[in-house]
Amino acid sequence: MKMFVEPPAIYLHKQPVDFRKSINGLSVIVEEHMQLSSFSDALFVFCNRQRDKIKVLYWDQTGFCLWYKRLEKDKFKWPKKLSGDVLTLSERQWHWLLEGLDIQNMTGHQPLQLTAVY
C-alpha cells in the first residue's frame, strides 16, 4: 500500500487515545506528550482503546493531513510490551502493522556493515 511518500520517521504513540480528537487534539499529544514537532515530515500513529482504528497525523508542508483506518472484523496488533511511550517504526514495521502482523515478534535479518569480502 502506497499512501505516503517515504516519510523520514514514523512515530507510534503506544497509549490509546480518544478518537474524538482530530488534528488539533492529536497535534497537542505530539508536541506535549511525545515531545516531537508536529511540523516535521514524520507520520504520527495513534490507536483507539479497542485497537480496531488507527489515525495517522502528518504535515505535508501546506497543512495537516489526517489518515484514518477502521478494521471491520479484526484488531491491530498494537505493541504493548515494548518499552517506552513512543516507538519509532521502520517503514517495514509500519507495513507489518497495517497488514495485521505483530511487530513485537517479527524480526528480519540484521544488516551487516562489512568492509571486505571473505
Protein backbone atom coordinates (compact mmCIF):
# COMPACT_ATOMS: atom_id res chain seq x y z
CA MET A 1 0.00 0.00 0.00
CA LYS A 2 1.50 3.34 -1.04
CA MET A 3 -0.23 6.18 0.72
CA PHE A 4 2.66 8.29 1.96
CA VAL A 5 5.83 9.34 0.19
CA GLU A 6 8.69 7.74 2.14
CA PRO A 7 8.38 9.50 5.50
CA PRO A 8 11.68 10.24 7.25
CA ALA A 9 10.28 8.88 10.52
CA ILE A 10 7.22 7.04 11.80
CA TYR A 11 6.33 7.51 15.46
CA LEU A 12 3.78 5.35 17.21
CA HIS A 13 2.03 6.60 20.36
CA LYS A 14 1.61 3.43 22.44
CA GLN A 15 -1.23 4.52 24.71
CA PRO A 16 -4.74 4.57 23.23
CA VAL A 17 -6.20 8.00 22.52
CA ASP A 18 -9.72 9.38 22.50
CA PHE A 19 -10.75 9.12 18.84
CA ARG A 20 -12.94 12.20 19.13
CA LYS A 21 -9.64 14.07 18.87
CA SER A 22 -8.86 15.40 15.45
CA ILE A 23 -5.91 17.35 14.05
CA ASN A 24 -5.61 19.93 16.83
CA GLY A 25 -6.00 17.42 19.68
CA LEU A 26 -3.56 14.95 18.15
CA SER A 27 -1.06 17.76 17.47
CA VAL A 28 -1.13 18.61 21.18
CA ILE A 29 -0.34 14.97 22.02
CA VAL A 30 2.59 15.02 19.55
CA GLU A 31 4.01 18.25 20.97
CA GLU A 32 3.35 17.77 24.69
CA HIS A 33 3.33 14.02 25.33
CA MET A 34 5.58 12.72 22.58
CA GLN A 35 7.93 15.75 22.80
CA LEU A 36 8.18 15.96 18.99
CA SER A 37 7.41 18.65 16.42
CA SER A 38 4.15 18.03 14.62
CA PHE A 39 5.51 20.15 11.73
CA SER A 40 8.17 17.60 10.82
CA ASP A 41 7.63 15.36 7.81
CA ALA A 42 7.09 12.38 10.12
CA LEU A 43 3.99 10.23 10.50
CA PHE A 44 2.40 10.12 13.96
CA VAL A 45 0.34 6.97 14.53
CA PHE A 46 -2.45 6.64 17.14
CA CYS A 47 -4.82 3.83 18.07
CA ASN A 48 -8.15 3.71 19.91
CA ARG A 49 -8.76 1.63 23.04
CA GLN A 50 -10.41 -1.23 21.11
CA ARG A 51 -7.43 -1.35 18.68
CA ASP A 52 -9.73 -1.53 15.65
CA LYS A 53 -8.98 2.00 14.42
CA ILE A 54 -5.85 4.00 13.74
CA LYS A 55 -5.27 7.63 12.89
CA VAL A 56 -2.13 8.99 11.29
CA LEU A 57 -1.30 12.68 11.51
CA TYR A 58 1.29 14.33 9.28
CA TRP A 59 2.29 17.75 7.96
CA ASP A 60 2.64 18.00 4.17
CA GLN A 61 4.22 21.50 4.01
CA THR A 62 0.87 23.18 3.28
CA GLY A 63 -1.28 21.83 6.07
CA PHE A 64 -2.01 18.91 8.33
CA CYS A 65 -3.37 15.65 6.95
CA LEU A 66 -5.25 13.05 8.95
CA TRP A 67 -5.47 9.48 7.68
CA TYR A 68 -7.94 7.09 9.30
CA LYS A 69 -8.40 3.33 9.04
CA ARG A 70 -11.11 1.18 10.63
CA LEU A 71 -10.93 -2.61 10.68
CA GLU A 72 -14.26 -4.33 10.29
CA LYS A 73 -13.53 -7.71 11.90
CA ASP A 74 -10.09 -7.68 13.48
CA LYS A 75 -7.77 -5.68 15.74
CA PHE A 76 -4.36 -4.13 15.15
CA LYS A 77 -1.52 -5.97 16.88
CA TRP A 78 -0.53 -2.99 18.98
CA PRO A 79 2.93 -3.27 20.58
CA LYS A 80 2.16 -3.02 24.28
CA LYS A 81 5.16 -4.89 25.70
CA LEU A 82 7.90 -2.84 24.03
CA SER A 83 9.43 -0.25 26.36
CA GLY A 84 8.74 3.46 26.12
CA ASP A 85 5.66 5.57 25.43
CA VAL A 86 6.67 6.36 21.86
CA LEU A 87 8.08 3.86 19.37
CA THR A 88 9.98 4.67 16.22
CA LEU A 89 8.91 2.31 13.45
CA SER A 90 10.71 1.41 10.28
CA GLU A 91 8.69 1.60 7.10
CA ARG A 92 8.75 -2.21 7.06
CA GLN A 93 7.28 -2.40 10.59
CA TRP A 94 4.65 0.18 9.61
CA HIS A 95 3.51 -2.03 6.74
CA TRP A 96 3.54 -5.08 9.02
CA LEU A 97 1.30 -3.24 11.49
CA LEU A 98 -1.16 -2.27 8.74
CA GLU A 99 -1.20 -5.87 7.46
CA GLY A 100 -2.09 -7.22 10.90
CA LEU A 101 1.30 -8.65 11.82
CA ASP A 102 2.75 -8.42 15.32
CA ILE A 103 5.80 -6.15 15.11
CA GLN A 104 6.93 -7.22 18.59
CA ASN A 105 7.61 -10.75 17.36
CA MET A 106 8.72 -10.07 13.79
CA THR A 107 12.43 -9.66 13.19
CA GLY A 108 14.26 -9.68 9.92
CA HIS A 109 17.88 -10.32 9.11
CA GLN A 110 20.22 -7.88 10.80
CA PRO A 111 22.03 -5.61 8.34
CA LEU A 112 25.79 -6.16 8.14
CA GLN A 113 28.47 -3.50 7.87
CA LEU A 114 31.21 -5.38 6.01
CA THR A 115 34.38 -3.78 4.72
CA ALA A 116 35.80 -6.72 2.78
CA VAL A 117 34.64 -9.92 1.08
CA TYR A 118 35.69 -13.07 2.93
